[in-house]
Amino acid sequence: MPEVTVTLTTDEAQLGQVGSQPKSSPKITVFPPSPEELQTNKATLVCLINDFSPRTVTVAWAADGVPITQGVQTTKSTKENKNYMASSYLSLTADQWRSYKSVSCQVTHEGSLVEKSLSPAQCQPTSHPSVTLFPPSPEELKTSKATLVCMINDFYPGDLAVTWKADGTTITQGVETSNPSKQGNKYLATSFLTLTEDAWKSKNQVSCEVTHEGTKVEKSLSPAMCS
């Protein structure tokens, strides 16, 4: 798909006036959507382009390396002291914004490309998970099986690690952990530990340990508490 750009032009008289003016490369700042706007499922990114001369620039937006042309609005360059400034706006839905790893504003001026990027992960504060650990049900224990369920809610960003332990020793067999899934603007996941009834009852304590962004959250159960 060819890149589509928005080009800001000027008339010949204005171009002639800047002929003797020193060139100045643009400075770019990209502003993320506001939290208030995201609550309305809208997301507007603003690319502020300052301090450039001459006044002709080309502005393009890309998301994860793919050009975006819909929802783009770019102003004409205007005089700012001795140089020029312009702004470009990219309108997305909040869901679109959160689905991207990176959104870039690309500005070409006098044959040179200047690019600035933002990612949703940079703009949303870290939220550590709440963890709830459920014991095996009495009905399941009657079948000589024991499944513990570790519910992990309300975390951001969406990467974490889950470790099960029994009496301080890591357990790897019988463990199944779901991939994190979106829940509004945060994530949830579930991890299961399947034991035999005898193995469950032989333990003093079983723990679900969740590591997220360097922080550990641990919940534990003992058969004695659940009998």
Protein backbone atom coordinates (compact mmCIF):
# COMPACT_ATOMS: atom_id res chain seq x y z
CA MET A 1 0.00 0.00 0.00
CA PRO A 2 1.66 3.33 -1.07
CA GLU A 3 2.24 5.96 1.58
CA VAL A 4 -0.21 8.84 1.38
CA THR A 5 0.92 12.17 2.74
CA VAL A 6 -0.57 15.56 3.39
CA THR A 7 1.60 18.30 1.83
CA LEU A 8 1.55 21.89 3.00
CA THR A 9 2.37 24.37 0.22
CA THR A 10 2.77 28.11 -0.16
CA ASP A 11 2.61 30.58 -3.02
CA GLU A 12 5.57 31.60 -5.14
CA ALA A 13 5.92 35.03 -3.53
CA GLN A 14 6.26 33.49 -0.06
CA LEU A 15 8.77 30.95 -1.31
CA GLY A 16 10.84 33.75 -2.77
CA GLN A 17 10.89 35.59 0.54
CA VAL A 18 12.53 32.71 2.41
CA GLY A 19 15.25 32.20 -0.17
CA SER A 20 17.86 33.94 1.95
CA GLN A 21 16.54 32.66 5.29
CA PRO A 22 18.61 29.94 7.00
CA LYS A 23 17.12 26.46 6.95
CA SER A 24 15.81 25.09 10.24
CA SER A 25 14.75 21.47 10.78
CA PRO A 26 11.40 20.90 12.51
CA LYS A 27 11.03 19.92 16.13
CA ILE A 28 8.24 17.38 16.67
CA THR A 29 6.18 16.59 19.75
CA VAL A 30 3.42 13.95 19.73
CA PHE A 31 0.71 14.23 22.38
CA PRO A 32 -1.42 11.20 23.40
CA PRO A 33 -5.20 11.11 23.79
CA SER A 34 -6.50 12.47 27.07
CA PRO A 35 -7.95 10.05 29.66
CA GLU A 36 -11.25 11.97 29.50
CA GLU A 37 -11.49 11.50 25.73
CA LEU A 38 -10.66 7.80 25.96
CA GLN A 39 -13.68 7.32 28.21
CA THR A 40 -15.85 8.37 25.23
CA ASN A 41 -14.14 5.71 23.03
CA LYS A 42 -12.36 8.42 21.04
CA ALA A 43 -8.61 8.95 20.75
CA THR A 44 -7.03 12.01 19.14
CA LEU A 45 -3.26 12.22 18.76
CA VAL A 46 -1.69 15.62 18.12
CA CYS A 47 1.60 16.09 16.27
CA LEU A 48 3.01 19.57 16.93
CA ILE A 49 5.65 20.66 14.39
CA ASN A 50 7.70 23.71 15.39
CA ASP A 51 10.61 25.91 14.42
CA PHE A 52 11.11 24.94 10.77
CA SER A 53 12.07 26.91 7.67
CA PRO A 54 11.31 27.02 4.79
CA ARG A 55 7.64 26.51 5.37
CA THR A 56 6.86 23.46 3.21
CA VAL A 57 6.58 20.15 5.06
CA THR A 58 4.99 16.78 4.38
CA VAL A 59 3.18 15.01 7.23
CA ALA A 60 2.23 11.32 7.35
CA TRP A 61 0.91 9.04 10.10
CA ALA A 62 1.62 5.32 10.53
CA ALA A 63 0.49 2.66 12.99
CA ASP A 64 2.75 -0.35 13.52
CA GLY A 65 4.54 0.65 10.32
CA VAL A 66 1.38 0.80 8.18
CA PRO A 67 0.36 4.21 6.75
CA ILE A 68 -2.88 5.75 8.06
CA THR A 69 -4.80 8.20 5.88
CA GLN A 70 -8.28 8.17 7.41
CA GLY A 71 -8.95 10.48 10.32
CA VAL A 72 -5.97 12.74 9.51
CA GLN A 73 -6.25 16.52 9.52
CA THR A 74 -3.23 18.79 9.07
CA THR A 75 -3.15 22.57 9.39
CA LYS A 76 -1.33 24.94 7.07
CA SER A 77 2.03 26.13 8.28
CA THR A 78 1.96 29.53 9.97
CA LYS A 79 4.63 32.04 10.93
CA GLU A 80 6.16 31.59 14.38
CA ASN A 81 8.79 34.26 15.01
CA LYS A 82 11.36 33.78 12.23
CA ASN A 83 10.32 30.20 11.45
CA TYR A 84 7.08 28.23 10.98
CA MET A 85 4.81 25.85 12.85
CA ALA A 86 2.03 23.39 11.95
CA SER A 87 -0.14 20.76 13.62
CA SER A 88 -1.48 17.41 12.48
CA TYR A 89 -4.30 15.47 14.14
CA LEU A 90 -5.05 11.75 13.96
CA SER A 91 -8.52 10.66 15.12
CA LEU A 92 -8.99 7.02 16.15
CA THR A 93 -11.35 5.08 18.34
CA ALA A 94 -10.01 4.26 21.79
CA ASP A 95 -10.05 0.56 20.87
CA GLN A 96 -7.97 1.22 17.75
CA TRP A 97 -5.44 3.25 19.74
CA ARG A 98 -5.06 0.53 22.38
CA SER A 99 -4.66 -2.17 19.73
CA TYR A 100 -1.50 -0.61 18.29
CA LYS A 101 2.01 -1.12 19.59
CA SER A 102 3.20 2.19 18.15
CA VAL A 103 1.75 5.20 16.29
CA SER A 104 4.15 7.54 14.48
CA CYS A 105 4.03 11.08 13.12
CA GLN A 106 6.44 11.35 10.18
CA VAL A 107 7.49 14.80 8.97
CA THR A 108 9.55 15.32 5.81
CA HIS A 109 11.23 18.71 5.43
CA GLU A 110 13.80 19.62 2.79
CA GLY A 111 14.34 15.94 2.00
CA SER A 112 14.96 14.91 5.62
CA LEU A 113 12.59 12.72 7.63
CA VAL A 114 11.90 13.39 11.30
CA GLU A 115 9.72 10.86 13.13
CA LYS A 116 8.27 10.65 16.63
CA SER A 117 6.28 7.70 18.01
CA LEU A 118 3.97 6.93 20.89
CA SER A 119 2.67 3.64 22.23
CA PRO A 120 -0.38 3.07 24.44
CA ALA A 121 1.87 1.34 26.96
CA GLN A 122 3.78 4.61 27.43
CA CYS A 123 0.60 6.53 28.08
CA GLN A 124 -1.38 4.29 30.41
CA PRO A 125 -0.24 3.89 34.01
CA THR A 126 0.78 0.47 35.26
CA SER A 127 -1.93 -1.39 37.14
CA HIS A 128 -0.88 -4.42 39.16
CA PRO A 129 -3.27 -7.39 39.28
CA SER A 130 -5.73 -8.40 41.91
CA VAL A 131 -5.43 -12.14 42.54
CA THR A 132 -8.09 -14.51 43.91
CA LEU A 133 -7.41 -18.20 44.58
CA PHE A 134 -10.29 -20.67 44.63
CA PRO A 135 -10.06 -24.16 46.19
CA PRO A 136 -11.28 -27.40 44.62
CA SER A 137 -15.01 -27.93 44.83
CA PRO A 138 -16.40 -30.66 47.12
CA GLU A 139 -18.07 -32.23 44.08
CA GLU A 140 -14.76 -32.52 42.23
CA LEU A 141 -12.98 -33.99 45.26
CA LYS A 142 -15.48 -36.85 45.22
CA THR A 143 -13.98 -37.82 41.83
CA SER A 144 -10.46 -37.90 43.35
CA LYS A 145 -9.45 -34.74 41.45
CA ALA A 146 -8.58 -31.31 42.82
CA THR A 147 -8.41 -28.21 40.60
CA LEU A 148 -7.33 -24.87 42.05
CA VAL A 149 -8.24 -21.73 40.10
CA CYS A 150 -6.18 -18.53 40.24
CA MET A 151 -8.15 -15.53 38.91
CA ILE A 152 -5.97 -12.57 37.88
CA ASN A 153 -7.81 -9.31 37.17
CA ASP A 154 -7.34 -5.60 36.39
CA PHE A 155 -3.71 -5.51 35.28
CA TYR A 156 -1.87 -3.41 32.69
CA PRO A 157 0.23 -3.91 30.64
CA GLY A 158 -0.81 -7.39 29.59
CA ASP A 159 2.36 -9.40 30.27
CA LEU A 160 2.79 -11.45 33.44
CA ALA A 161 4.16 -14.72 34.79
CA VAL A 162 2.32 -17.23 36.96
CA THR A 163 4.08 -19.71 39.25
CA TRP A 164 2.39 -22.36 41.37
CA LYS A 165 4.06 -23.62 44.55
CA ALA A 166 3.26 -26.36 47.05
CA ASP A 167 4.93 -26.02 50.45
CA GLY A 168 7.47 -23.66 48.85
CA THR A 169 8.36 -25.96 45.93
CA THR A 170 7.51 -24.90 42.37
CA ILE A 171 4.94 -27.08 40.57
CA THR A 172 4.98 -27.31 36.77
CA GLN A 173 2.88 -30.42 36.06
CA GLY A 174 -0.86 -29.97 35.84
CA VAL A 175 -0.59 -26.21 35.28
CA GLU A 176 -2.52 -24.41 32.55
CA THR A 177 -2.58 -20.62 32.21
CA SER A 178 -4.71 -18.68 29.74
CA ASN A 179 -3.36 -15.87 27.59
CA PRO A 180 -4.29 -12.43 28.97
CA SER A 181 -7.49 -11.05 27.43
CA LYS A 182 -8.76 -7.49 27.27
CA GLN A 183 -11.23 -6.34 29.94
CA GLY A 184 -12.02 -2.71 29.17
CA ASN A 185 -8.65 -0.94 29.18
CA LYS A 186 -7.01 -3.61 31.36
CA TYR A 187 -6.43 -7.36 31.20
CA LEU A 188 -7.48 -10.57 32.92
CA ALA A 189 -6.12 -14.11 32.96
CA THR A 190 -6.81 -17.42 34.67
CA SER A 191 -4.43 -20.15 35.78
CA PHE A 192 -5.42 -23.70 36.76
CA LEU A 193 -3.55 -26.25 38.85
CA THR A 194 -4.89 -29.80 38.64
CA LEU A 195 -3.87 -32.30 41.33
CA THR A 196 -5.18 -35.58 42.62
CA GLU A 197 -7.30 -35.37 45.75
CA ASP A 198 -4.56 -37.15 47.72
CA ALA A 199 -1.86 -34.77 46.45
CA TRP A 200 -3.99 -31.76 47.43
CA LYS A 201 -4.73 -33.07 50.91
CA SER A 202 -1.07 -33.95 51.50
CA LYS A 203 0.04 -30.32 51.15
CA ASN A 204 0.25 -27.81 53.96
CA GLN A 205 -0.08 -24.88 51.57
CA VAL A 206 -0.52 -24.24 47.83
CA SER A 207 0.24 -20.80 46.39
CA CYS A 208 -0.41 -18.94 43.16
CA GLU A 209 2.35 -16.36 42.61
CA VAL A 210 1.85 -13.68 39.94
CA THR A 211 4.75 -11.50 38.77
CA HIS A 212 3.78 -8.32 36.92
CA GLU A 213 6.17 -5.50 35.99
CA GLY A 214 8.61 -6.63 38.67
CA THR A 215 5.98 -6.84 41.43
CA LYS A 216 4.87 -10.15 42.97
CA VAL A 217 1.36 -10.84 44.21
CA GLU A 218 0.80 -14.16 45.97
CA LYS A 219 -2.29 -15.90 47.31
CA SER A 220 -2.26 -19.19 49.23
CA LEU A 221 -4.67 -21.89 50.37
CA SER A 222 -4.30 -24.89 52.65
CA PRO A 223 -6.46 -28.02 52.61
CA ALA A 224 -7.12 -27.53 56.33
CA MET A 225 -8.74 -24.17 55.60
CA CYS A 226 -10.97 -25.65 52.95
CA SER A 227 -12.11 -28.90 54.56
